[in-house]
Amino acid sequence: MGNISTPRVTCSYLNSYLGRNVLIVGKVMELRGDEAIVDADGNITVHLNREAHLSKGNGVQVIGKVNPDLSIKALTTLDLGTEVDFTLANTVVEISHQHPEVFHS
């Protein structure tokens, strides 16, 4: 994917990134065919690609494009397993938005 900016976001930041690539860390709440519901401080619908191999209840990292309906078209997904500190992941999002000069290109 080269040098694509992928700011870390949670559900509450999606409106600010319409049409842009973002990185989300959350918990897989549901799997429905080619869609997943991911809780990243709020539920997000993620449209999965064929390479996605996720498990309900596991953490996931999603890099994808924010659609107008605030769903995500996944470019890449990574199953993070069950030992994810979601509080820490959300804190990193908040800090990255407080200090964008450090985290966003």
PDB file of N, CA and C in Angstrom:
ATOM      1  N   MET A   1       0.814  -1.185   0.000  1.00  0.00           N
ATOM      2  CA  MET A   1       0.000   0.000   0.000  1.00  0.00           C
ATOM      3  C   MET A   1       0.863   1.256   0.000  1.00  0.00           C
ATOM      4  N   GLY A   2       2.131   1.100   0.152  1.00  0.00           N
ATOM      5  CA  GLY A   2       3.007   2.250   0.053  1.00  0.00           C
ATOM      6  C   GLY A   2       2.902   3.182   1.239  1.00  0.00           C
ATOM      7  N   ASN A   3       2.962   4.477   0.973  1.00  0.00           N
ATOM      8  CA  ASN A   3       2.988   5.492   2.019  1.00  0.00           C
ATOM      9  C   ASN A   3       1.617   6.145   2.175  1.00  0.00           C
ATOM     10  N   ILE A   4       0.604   5.359   2.544  1.00  0.00           N
ATOM     11  CA  ILE A   4      -0.752   5.863   2.717  1.00  0.00           C
ATOM     12  C   ILE A   4      -0.949   6.233   4.175  1.00  0.00           C
ATOM     13  N   SER A   5      -1.448   7.445   4.423  1.00  0.00           N
ATOM     14  CA  SER A   5      -1.728   7.880   5.784  1.00  0.00           C
ATOM     15  C   SER A   5      -2.948   7.121   6.306  1.00  0.00           C
ATOM     16  N   THR A   6      -2.807   6.511   7.467  1.00  0.00           N
ATOM     17  CA  THR A   6      -3.913   5.778   8.080  1.00  0.00           C
ATOM     18  C   THR A   6      -4.023   6.173   9.548  1.00  0.00           C
ATOM     19  N   PRO A   7      -4.664   7.309   9.824  1.00  0.00           N
ATOM     20  CA  PRO A   7      -4.812   7.717  11.213  1.00  0.00           C
ATOM     21  C   PRO A   7      -5.627   6.697  11.994  1.00  0.00           C
ATOM     22  N   ARG A   8      -5.284   6.529  13.261  1.00  0.00           N
ATOM     23  CA  ARG A   8      -6.036   5.642  14.153  1.00  0.00           C
ATOM     24  C   ARG A   8      -7.311   6.357  14.568  1.00  0.00           C
ATOM     25  N   VAL A   9      -8.446   5.651  14.470  1.00  0.00           N
ATOM     26  CA  VAL A   9      -9.726   6.240  14.848  1.00  0.00           C
ATOM     27  C   VAL A   9     -10.581   5.224  15.596  1.00  0.00           C
ATOM     28  N   THR A  10     -11.584   5.754  16.258  1.00  0.00           N
ATOM     29  CA  THR A  10     -12.663   4.953  16.825  1.00  0.00           C
ATOM     30  C   THR A  10     -13.942   5.384  16.130  1.00  0.00           C
ATOM     31  N   CYS A  11     -15.043   4.783  16.514  1.00  0.00           N
ATOM     32  CA  CYS A  11     -16.332   5.067  15.884  1.00  0.00           C
ATOM     33  C   CYS A  11     -16.654   6.561  15.867  1.00  0.00           C
ATOM     34  N   SER A  12     -16.372   7.255  16.940  1.00  0.00           N
ATOM     35  CA  SER A  12     -16.750   8.667  17.039  1.00  0.00           C
ATOM     36  C   SER A  12     -15.992   9.584  16.084  1.00  0.00           C
ATOM     37  N   TYR A  13     -14.892   9.142  15.516  1.00  0.00           N
ATOM     38  CA  TYR A  13     -14.104   9.961  14.598  1.00  0.00           C
ATOM     39  C   TYR A  13     -14.422   9.718  13.118  1.00  0.00           C
ATOM     40  N   LEU A  14     -15.236   8.728  12.804  1.00  0.00           N
ATOM     41  CA  LEU A  14     -15.442   8.348  11.403  1.00  0.00           C
ATOM     42  C   LEU A  14     -15.949   9.495  10.538  1.00  0.00           C
ATOM     43  N   ASN A  15     -16.862  10.324  11.066  1.00  0.00           N
ATOM     44  CA  ASN A  15     -17.401  11.454  10.295  1.00  0.00           C
ATOM     45  C   ASN A  15     -16.316  12.365   9.749  1.00  0.00           C
ATOM     46  N   SER A  16     -15.219  12.478  10.445  1.00  0.00           N
ATOM     47  CA  SER A  16     -14.132  13.376  10.041  1.00  0.00           C
ATOM     48  C   SER A  16     -13.240  12.778   8.961  1.00  0.00           C
ATOM     49  N   TYR A  17     -13.454  11.508   8.606  1.00  0.00           N
ATOM     50  CA  TYR A  17     -12.547  10.827   7.680  1.00  0.00           C
ATOM     51  C   TYR A  17     -13.271  10.194   6.497  1.00  0.00           C
ATOM     52  N   LEU A  18     -14.414  10.740   6.091  1.00  0.00           N
ATOM     53  CA  LEU A  18     -15.155  10.197   4.956  1.00  0.00           C
ATOM     54  C   LEU A  18     -14.259  10.125   3.722  1.00  0.00           C
ATOM     55  N   GLY A  19     -14.257   8.961   3.079  1.00  0.00           N
ATOM     56  CA  GLY A  19     -13.477   8.770   1.868  1.00  0.00           C
ATOM     57  C   GLY A  19     -11.989   8.584   2.084  1.00  0.00           C
ATOM     58  N   ARG A  20     -11.556   8.542   3.330  1.00  0.00           N
ATOM     59  CA  ARG A  20     -10.129   8.401   3.630  1.00  0.00           C
ATOM     60  C   ARG A  20      -9.840   7.047   4.266  1.00  0.00           C
ATOM     61  N   ASN A  21      -8.585   6.668   4.227  1.00  0.00           N
ATOM     62  CA  ASN A  21      -8.149   5.433   4.871  1.00  0.00           C
ATOM     63  C   ASN A  21      -7.880   5.694   6.346  1.00  0.00           C
ATOM     64  N   VAL A  22      -8.278   4.731   7.177  1.00  0.00           N
ATOM     65  CA  VAL A  22      -8.087   4.824   8.621  1.00  0.00           C
ATOM     66  C   VAL A  22      -7.643   3.469   9.155  1.00  0.00           C
ATOM     67  N   LEU A  23      -7.161   3.472  10.397  1.00  0.00           N
ATOM     68  CA  LEU A  23      -6.805   2.246  11.095  1.00  0.00           C
ATOM     69  C   LEU A  23      -7.677   2.162  12.340  1.00  0.00           C
ATOM     70  N   ILE A  24      -8.329   1.032  12.519  1.00  0.00           N
ATOM     71  CA  ILE A  24      -9.221   0.813  13.651  1.00  0.00           C
ATOM     72  C   ILE A  24      -8.782  -0.441  14.380  1.00  0.00           C
ATOM     73  N   VAL A  25      -8.740  -0.378  15.714  1.00  0.00           N
ATOM     74  CA  VAL A  25      -8.554  -1.560  16.546  1.00  0.00           C
ATOM     75  C   VAL A  25      -9.825  -1.713  17.356  1.00  0.00           C
ATOM     76  N   GLY A  26     -10.441  -2.895  17.263  1.00  0.00           N
ATOM     77  CA  GLY A  26     -11.685  -3.141  17.984  1.00  0.00           C
ATOM     78  C   GLY A  26     -11.916  -4.621  18.193  1.00  0.00           C
ATOM     79  N   LYS A  27     -13.084  -4.930  18.720  1.00  0.00           N
ATOM     80  CA  LYS A  27     -13.458  -6.309  19.013  1.00  0.00           C
ATOM     81  C   LYS A  27     -14.532  -6.766  18.037  1.00  0.00           C
ATOM     82  N   VAL A  28     -14.347  -7.945  17.458  1.00  0.00           N
ATOM     83  CA  VAL A  28     -15.321  -8.509  16.523  1.00  0.00           C
ATOM     84  C   VAL A  28     -16.541  -8.970  17.332  1.00  0.00           C
ATOM     85  N   MET A  29     -17.664  -8.305  17.105  1.00  0.00           N
ATOM     86  CA  MET A  29     -18.891  -8.621  17.835  1.00  0.00           C
ATOM     87  C   MET A  29     -19.762  -9.611  17.061  1.00  0.00           C
ATOM     88  N   GLU A  30     -19.805  -9.453  15.731  1.00  0.00           N
ATOM     89  CA  GLU A  30     -20.608 -10.328  14.872  1.00  0.00           C
ATOM     90  C   GLU A  30     -19.900 -10.530  13.549  1.00  0.00           C
ATOM     91  N   LEU A  31     -20.138 -11.689  12.948  1.00  0.00           N
ATOM     92  CA  LEU A  31     -19.690 -11.978  11.587  1.00  0.00           C
ATOM     93  C   LEU A  31     -20.917 -12.396  10.788  1.00  0.00           C
ATOM     94  N   ARG A  32     -21.151 -11.708   9.660  1.00  0.00           N
ATOM     95  CA  ARG A  32     -22.291 -12.001   8.793  1.00  0.00           C
ATOM     96  C   ARG A  32     -21.811 -12.030   7.348  1.00  0.00           C
ATOM     97  N   GLY A  33     -21.476 -13.203   6.867  1.00  0.00           N
ATOM     98  CA  GLY A  33     -21.003 -13.311   5.485  1.00  0.00           C
ATOM     99  C   GLY A  33     -19.756 -12.476   5.277  1.00  0.00           C
ATOM    100  N   ASP A  34     -19.865 -11.475   4.399  1.00  0.00           N
ATOM    101  CA  ASP A  34     -18.705 -10.637   4.100  1.00  0.00           C
ATOM    102  C   ASP A  34     -18.701  -9.343   4.912  1.00  0.00           C
ATOM    103  N   GLU A  35     -19.420  -9.337   6.041  1.00  0.00           N
ATOM    104  CA  GLU A  35     -19.439  -8.188   6.932  1.00  0.00           C
ATOM    105  C   GLU A  35     -19.113  -8.594   8.362  1.00  0.00           C
ATOM    106  N   ALA A  36     -18.521  -7.657   9.085  1.00  0.00           N
ATOM    107  CA  ALA A  36     -18.275  -7.841  10.511  1.00  0.00           C
ATOM    108  C   ALA A  36     -18.755  -6.592  11.230  1.00  0.00           C
ATOM    109  N   ILE A  37     -19.270  -6.780  12.419  1.00  0.00           N
ATOM    110  CA  ILE A  37     -19.568  -5.661  13.305  1.00  0.00           C
ATOM    111  C   ILE A  37     -18.427  -5.609  14.310  1.00  0.00           C
ATOM    112  N   VAL A  38     -17.724  -4.488  14.325  1.00  0.00           N
ATOM    113  CA  VAL A  38     -16.555  -4.307  15.172  1.00  0.00           C
ATOM    114  C   VAL A  38     -16.859  -3.198  16.173  1.00  0.00           C
ATOM    115  N   ASP A  39     -16.642  -3.493  17.455  1.00  0.00           N
ATOM    116  CA  ASP A  39     -16.809  -2.485  18.502  1.00  0.00           C
ATOM    117  C   ASP A  39     -15.483  -1.769  18.703  1.00  0.00           C
ATOM    118  N   ALA A  40     -15.434  -0.520  18.271  1.00  0.00           N
ATOM    119  CA  ALA A  40     -14.274   0.340  18.478  1.00  0.00           C
ATOM    120  C   ALA A  40     -14.808   1.611  19.140  1.00  0.00           C
ATOM    121  N   ASP A  41     -15.167   1.480  20.412  1.00  0.00           N
ATOM    122  CA  ASP A  41     -15.801   2.568  21.160  1.00  0.00           C
ATOM    123  C   ASP A  41     -17.108   2.967  20.490  1.00  0.00           C
ATOM    124  N   GLY A  42     -17.817   1.968  19.968  1.00  0.00           N
ATOM    125  CA  GLY A  42     -19.065   2.094  19.207  1.00  0.00           C
ATOM    126  C   GLY A  42     -19.015   1.100  18.067  1.00  0.00           C
ATOM    127  N   ASN A  43     -20.156   0.621  17.623  1.00  0.00           N
ATOM    128  CA  ASN A  43     -20.182  -0.404  16.578  1.00  0.00           C
ATOM    129  C   ASN A  43     -19.956   0.175  15.187  1.00  0.00           C
ATOM    130  N   ILE A  44     -19.111  -0.515  14.418  1.00  0.00           N
ATOM    131  CA  ILE A  44     -18.778  -0.137  13.048  1.00  0.00           C
ATOM    132  C   ILE A  44     -18.996  -1.356  12.164  1.00  0.00           C
ATOM    133  N   THR A  45     -19.689  -1.173  11.043  1.00  0.00           N
ATOM    134  CA  THR A  45     -19.825  -2.238  10.058  1.00  0.00           C
ATOM    135  C   THR A  45     -18.598  -2.218   9.156  1.00  0.00           C
ATOM    136  N   VAL A  46     -17.948  -3.374   9.049  1.00  0.00           N
ATOM    137  CA  VAL A  46     -16.755  -3.503   8.210  1.00  0.00           C
ATOM    138  C   VAL A  46     -17.075  -4.475   7.082  1.00  0.00           C
ATOM    139  N   HIS A  47     -16.916  -4.002   5.839  1.00  0.00           N
ATOM    140  CA  HIS A  47     -17.101  -4.846   4.657  1.00  0.00           C
ATOM    141  C   HIS A  47     -15.764  -5.536   4.390  1.00  0.00           C
ATOM    142  N   LEU A  48     -15.750  -6.844   4.595  1.00  0.00           N
ATOM    143  CA  LEU A  48     -14.515  -7.616   4.549  1.00  0.00           C
ATOM    144  C   LEU A  48     -14.123  -7.994   3.132  1.00  0.00           C
ATOM    145  N   ASN A  49     -12.825  -8.194   2.926  1.00  0.00           N
ATOM    146  CA  ASN A  49     -12.349  -8.744   1.662  1.00  0.00           C
ATOM    147  C   ASN A  49     -12.148 -10.249   1.828  1.00  0.00           C
ATOM    148  N   ARG A  50     -11.798 -10.923   0.774  1.00  0.00           N
ATOM    149  CA  ARG A  50     -11.685 -12.391   0.807  1.00  0.00           C
ATOM    150  C   ARG A  50     -10.537 -12.889   1.673  1.00  0.00           C
ATOM    151  N   GLU A  51      -9.566 -12.037   1.933  1.00  0.00           N
ATOM    152  CA  GLU A  51      -8.417 -12.440   2.738  1.00  0.00           C
ATOM    153  C   GLU A  51      -8.695 -12.378   4.234  1.00  0.00           C
ATOM    154  N   ALA A  52      -9.822 -11.832   4.639  1.00  0.00           N
ATOM    155  CA  ALA A  52     -10.135 -11.654   6.063  1.00  0.00           C
ATOM    156  C   ALA A  52     -10.485 -13.000   6.697  1.00  0.00           C
ATOM    157  N   HIS A  53      -9.818 -13.301   7.797  1.00  0.00           N
ATOM    158  CA  HIS A  53     -10.092 -14.511   8.575  1.00  0.00           C
ATOM    159  C   HIS A  53     -10.189 -14.087  10.037  1.00  0.00           C
ATOM    160  N   LEU A  54     -11.398 -13.718  10.435  1.00  0.00           N
ATOM    161  CA  LEU A  54     -11.620 -13.186  11.770  1.00  0.00           C
ATOM    162  C   LEU A  54     -12.430 -14.163  12.600  1.00  0.00           C
ATOM    163  N   SER A  55     -12.358 -14.000  13.913  1.00  0.00           N
ATOM    164  CA  SER A  55     -13.130 -14.823  14.839  1.00  0.00           C
ATOM    165  C   SER A  55     -13.923 -13.913  15.769  1.00  0.00           C
ATOM    166  N   LYS A  56     -15.175 -14.273  15.979  1.00  0.00           N
ATOM    167  CA  LYS A  56     -16.030 -13.514  16.876  1.00  0.00           C
ATOM    168  C   LYS A  56     -15.410 -13.500  18.274  1.00  0.00           C
ATOM    169  N   GLY A  57     -15.385 -12.322  18.882  1.00  0.00           N
ATOM    170  CA  GLY A  57     -14.826 -12.169  20.214  1.00  0.00           C
ATOM    171  C   GLY A  57     -13.359 -11.777  20.236  1.00  0.00           C
ATOM    172  N   ASN A  58     -12.678 -11.926  19.112  1.00  0.00           N
ATOM    173  CA  ASN A  58     -11.260 -11.559  19.038  1.00  0.00           C
ATOM    174  C   ASN A  58     -11.097 -10.079  18.709  1.00  0.00           C
ATOM    175  N   GLY A  59      -9.925  -9.574  19.028  1.00  0.00           N
ATOM    176  CA  GLY A  59      -9.570  -8.241  18.599  1.00  0.00           C
ATOM    177  C   GLY A  59      -9.201  -8.260  17.127  1.00  0.00           C
ATOM    178  N   VAL A  60      -9.332  -7.108  16.485  1.00  0.00           N
ATOM    179  CA  VAL A  60      -9.001  -7.005  15.070  1.00  0.00           C
ATOM    180  C   VAL A  60      -8.414  -5.631  14.794  1.00  0.00           C
ATOM    181  N   GLN A  61      -7.448  -5.602  13.888  1.00  0.00           N
ATOM    182  CA  GLN A  61      -6.963  -4.341  13.342  1.00  0.00           C
ATOM    183  C   GLN A  61      -7.460  -4.270  11.908  1.00  0.00           C
ATOM    184  N   VAL A  62      -8.125  -3.182  11.573  1.00  0.00           N
ATOM    185  CA  VAL A  62      -8.657  -2.986  10.227  1.00  0.00           C
ATOM    186  C   VAL A  62      -8.045  -1.723   9.651  1.00  0.00           C
ATOM    187  N   ILE A  63      -7.502  -1.833   8.459  1.00  0.00           N
ATOM    188  CA  ILE A  63      -7.142  -0.658   7.676  1.00  0.00           C
ATOM    189  C   ILE A  63      -8.117  -0.630   6.523  1.00  0.00           C
ATOM    190  N   GLY A  64      -8.830   0.480   6.392  1.00  0.00           N
ATOM    191  CA  GLY A  64      -9.835   0.551   5.344  1.00  0.00           C
ATOM    192  C   GLY A  64     -10.309   1.960   5.096  1.00  0.00           C
ATOM    193  N   LYS A  65     -11.181   2.078   4.106  1.00  0.00           N
ATOM    194  CA  LYS A  65     -11.706   3.358   3.656  1.00  0.00           C
ATOM    195  C   LYS A  65     -13.071   3.594   4.281  1.00  0.00           C
ATOM    196  N   VAL A  66     -13.289   4.820   4.781  1.00  0.00           N
ATOM    197  CA  VAL A  66     -14.566   5.184   5.401  1.00  0.00           C
ATOM    198  C   VAL A  66     -15.580   5.529   4.303  1.00  0.00           C
ATOM    199  N   ASN A  67     -16.687   4.795   4.291  1.00  0.00           N
ATOM    200  CA  ASN A  67     -17.769   5.010   3.330  1.00  0.00           C
ATOM    201  C   ASN A  67     -18.702   6.117   3.814  1.00  0.00           C
ATOM    202  N   PRO A  68     -19.514   6.692   2.912  1.00  0.00           N
ATOM    203  CA  PRO A  68     -20.463   7.745   3.308  1.00  0.00           C
ATOM    204  C   PRO A  68     -21.421   7.332   4.424  1.00  0.00           C
ATOM    205  N   ASP A  69     -21.749   6.039   4.522  1.00  0.00           N
ATOM    206  CA  ASP A  69     -22.648   5.569   5.585  1.00  0.00           C
ATOM    207  C   ASP A  69     -21.891   5.237   6.868  1.00  0.00           C
ATOM    208  N   LEU A  70     -20.606   5.622   6.935  1.00  0.00           N
ATOM    209  CA  LEU A  70     -19.711   5.412   8.081  1.00  0.00           C
ATOM    210  C   LEU A  70     -19.341   3.953   8.306  1.00  0.00           C
ATOM    211  N   SER A  71     -19.584   3.109   7.304  1.00  0.00           N
ATOM    212  CA  SER A  71     -19.044   1.749   7.339  1.00  0.00           C
ATOM    213  C   SER A  71     -17.622   1.825   6.792  1.00  0.00           C
ATOM    214  N   ILE A  72     -16.905   0.721   6.889  1.00  0.00           N
ATOM    215  CA  ILE A  72     -15.511   0.661   6.430  1.00  0.00           C
ATOM    216  C   ILE A  72     -15.380  -0.412   5.362  1.00  0.00           C
ATOM    217  N   LYS A  73     -14.747  -0.067   4.250  1.00  0.00           N
ATOM    218  CA  LYS A  73     -14.376  -1.062   3.246  1.00  0.00           C
ATOM    219  C   LYS A  73     -12.957  -1.497   3.584  1.00  0.00           C
ATOM    220  N   ALA A  74     -12.823  -2.728   4.098  1.00  0.00           N
ATOM    221  CA  ALA A  74     -11.526  -3.209   4.571  1.00  0.00           C
ATOM    222  C   ALA A  74     -10.546  -3.388   3.417  1.00  0.00           C
ATOM    223  N   LEU A  75      -9.344  -2.869   3.606  1.00  0.00           N
ATOM    224  CA  LEU A  75      -8.236  -3.140   2.701  1.00  0.00           C
ATOM    225  C   LEU A  75      -7.405  -4.284   3.263  1.00  0.00           C
ATOM    226  N   THR A  76      -7.128  -4.218   4.575  1.00  0.00           N
ATOM    227  CA  THR A  76      -6.435  -5.304   5.264  1.00  0.00           C
ATOM    228  C   THR A  76      -7.062  -5.493   6.645  1.00  0.00           C
ATOM    229  N   THR A  77      -7.016  -6.724   7.108  1.00  0.00           N
ATOM    230  CA  THR A  77      -7.466  -7.034   8.467  1.00  0.00           C
ATOM    231  C   THR A  77      -6.437  -7.949   9.109  1.00  0.00           C
ATOM    232  N   LEU A  78      -6.315  -7.824  10.429  1.00  0.00           N
ATOM    233  CA  LEU A  78      -5.395  -8.657  11.174  1.00  0.00           C
ATOM    234  C   LEU A  78      -6.081  -9.097  12.449  1.00  0.00           C
ATOM    235  N   ASP A  79      -6.277 -10.405  12.609  1.00  0.00           N
ATOM    236  CA  ASP A  79      -6.861 -10.948  13.834  1.00  0.00           C
ATOM    237  C   ASP A  79      -5.828 -10.811  14.941  1.00  0.00           C
ATOM    238  N   LEU A  80      -6.206 -10.123  16.034  1.00  0.00           N
ATOM    239  CA  LEU A  80      -5.279  -9.858  17.132  1.00  0.00           C
ATOM    240  C   LEU A  80      -5.445 -10.819  18.301  1.00  0.00           C
ATOM    241  N   GLY A  81      -6.381 -11.764  18.198  1.00  0.00           N
ATOM    242  CA  GLY A  81      -6.590 -12.722  19.279  1.00  0.00           C
ATOM    243  C   GLY A  81      -7.419 -12.138  20.401  1.00  0.00           C
ATOM    244  N   THR A  82      -7.307 -12.751  21.579  1.00  0.00           N
ATOM    245  CA  THR A  82      -8.171 -12.388  22.697  1.00  0.00           C
ATOM    246  C   THR A  82      -7.496 -11.497  23.740  1.00  0.00           C
ATOM    247  N   GLU A  83      -6.216 -11.304  23.647  1.00  0.00           N
ATOM    248  CA  GLU A  83      -5.485 -10.551  24.678  1.00  0.00           C
ATOM    249  C   GLU A  83      -5.234  -9.110  24.247  1.00  0.00           C
ATOM    250  N   VAL A  84      -6.279  -8.393  23.866  1.00  0.00           N
ATOM    251  CA  VAL A  84      -6.145  -7.016  23.407  1.00  0.00           C
ATOM    252  C   VAL A  84      -6.605  -6.076  24.518  1.00  0.00           C
ATOM    253  N   ASP A  85      -5.811  -5.071  24.797  1.00  0.00           N
ATOM    254  CA  ASP A  85      -6.176  -4.041  25.767  1.00  0.00           C
ATOM    255  C   ASP A  85      -6.876  -2.912  24.991  1.00  0.00           C
ATOM    256  N   PHE A  86      -8.210  -2.976  24.938  1.00  0.00           N
ATOM    257  CA  PHE A  86      -8.969  -2.002  24.164  1.00  0.00           C
ATOM    258  C   PHE A  86      -8.920  -0.611  24.789  1.00  0.00           C
ATOM    259  N   THR A  87      -8.766  -0.545  26.095  1.00  0.00           N
ATOM    260  CA  THR A  87      -8.616   0.755  26.755  1.00  0.00           C
ATOM    261  C   THR A  87      -7.346   1.435  26.267  1.00  0.00           C
ATOM    262  N   LEU A  88      -6.265   0.682  26.184  1.00  0.00           N
ATOM    263  CA  LEU A  88      -5.007   1.217  25.674  1.00  0.00           C
ATOM    264  C   LEU A  88      -5.155   1.644  24.211  1.00  0.00           C
ATOM    265  N   ALA A  89      -5.798   0.807  23.398  1.00  0.00           N
ATOM    266  CA  ALA A  89      -5.989   1.135  21.982  1.00  0.00           C
ATOM    267  C   ALA A  89      -6.767   2.442  21.830  1.00  0.00           C
ATOM    268  N   ASN A  90      -7.817   2.629  22.632  1.00  0.00           N
ATOM    269  CA  ASN A  90      -8.606   3.855  22.566  1.00  0.00           C
ATOM    270  C   ASN A  90      -7.813   5.059  23.061  1.00  0.00           C
ATOM    271  N   THR A  91      -6.959   4.855  24.064  1.00  0.00           N
ATOM    272  CA  THR A  91      -6.113   5.933  24.567  1.00  0.00           C
ATOM    273  C   THR A  91      -5.131   6.387  23.496  1.00  0.00           C
ATOM    274  N   VAL A  92      -4.572   5.446  22.750  1.00  0.00           N
ATOM    275  CA  VAL A  92      -3.652   5.802  21.659  1.00  0.00           C
ATOM    276  C   VAL A  92      -4.382   6.650  20.619  1.00  0.00           C
ATOM    277  N   VAL A  93      -5.635   6.310  20.319  1.00  0.00           N
ATOM    278  CA  VAL A  93      -6.424   7.110  19.374  1.00  0.00           C
ATOM    279  C   VAL A  93      -6.568   8.532  19.902  1.00  0.00           C
ATOM    280  N   GLU A  94      -6.959   8.667  21.145  1.00  0.00           N
ATOM    281  CA  GLU A  94      -7.159  10.000  21.724  1.00  0.00           C
ATOM    282  C   GLU A  94      -5.871  10.821  21.711  1.00  0.00           C
ATOM    283  N   ILE A  95      -4.767  10.203  22.101  1.00  0.00           N
ATOM    284  CA  ILE A  95      -3.479  10.915  22.111  1.00  0.00           C
ATOM    285  C   ILE A  95      -3.059  11.291  20.699  1.00  0.00           C
ATOM    286  N   SER A  96      -3.298  10.410  19.737  1.00  0.00           N
ATOM    287  CA  SER A  96      -2.909  10.719  18.353  1.00  0.00           C
ATOM    288  C   SER A  96      -3.698  11.894  17.798  1.00  0.00           C
ATOM    289  N   HIS A  97      -4.923  12.091  18.273  1.00  0.00           N
ATOM    290  CA  HIS A  97      -5.720  13.229  17.815  1.00  0.00           C
ATOM    291  C   HIS A  97      -5.379  14.508  18.585  1.00  0.00           C
ATOM    292  N   GLN A  98      -4.837  14.372  19.773  1.00  0.00           N
ATOM    293  CA  GLN A  98      -4.382  15.537  20.529  1.00  0.00           C
ATOM    294  C   GLN A  98      -3.045  16.050  19.995  1.00  0.00           C
ATOM    295  N   HIS A  99      -2.260  15.152  19.385  1.00  0.00           N
ATOM    296  CA  HIS A  99      -0.941  15.489  18.876  1.00  0.00           C
ATOM    297  C   HIS A  99      -0.780  14.999  17.427  1.00  0.00           C
ATOM    298  N   PRO A 100      -1.589  15.529  16.492  1.00  0.00           N
ATOM    299  CA  PRO A 100      -1.555  15.029  15.113  1.00  0.00           C
ATOM    300  C   PRO A 100      -0.205  15.234  14.425  1.00  0.00           C
ATOM    301  N   GLU A 101       0.550  16.226  14.857  1.00  0.00           N
ATOM    302  CA  GLU A 101       1.854  16.473  14.225  1.00  0.00           C
ATOM    303  C   GLU A 101       2.814  15.314  14.434  1.00  0.00           C
ATOM    304  N   VAL A 102       2.582  14.512  15.458  1.00  0.00           N
ATOM    305  CA  VAL A 102       3.433  13.364  15.742  1.00  0.00           C
ATOM    306  C   VAL A 102       2.932  12.115  15.018  1.00  0.00           C
ATOM    307  N   PHE A 103       1.602  11.951  14.930  1.00  0.00           N
ATOM    308  CA  PHE A 103       1.026  10.702  14.470  1.00  0.00           C
ATOM    309  C   PHE A 103       0.507  10.692  13.038  1.00  0.00           C
ATOM    310  N   HIS A 104       0.126  11.829  12.482  1.00  0.00           N
ATOM    311  CA  HIS A 104      -0.487  11.853  11.146  1.00  0.00           C
ATOM    312  C   HIS A 104       0.439  12.542  10.164  1.00  0.00           C
ATOM    313  N   SER A 105       0.494  11.951   8.971  1.00  0.00           N
ATOM    314  CA  SER A 105       1.311  12.599   7.936  1.00  0.00           C
ATOM    315  C   SER A 105       0.422  13.299   6.933  1.00  0.00           C
TER     316      SER A 105
END
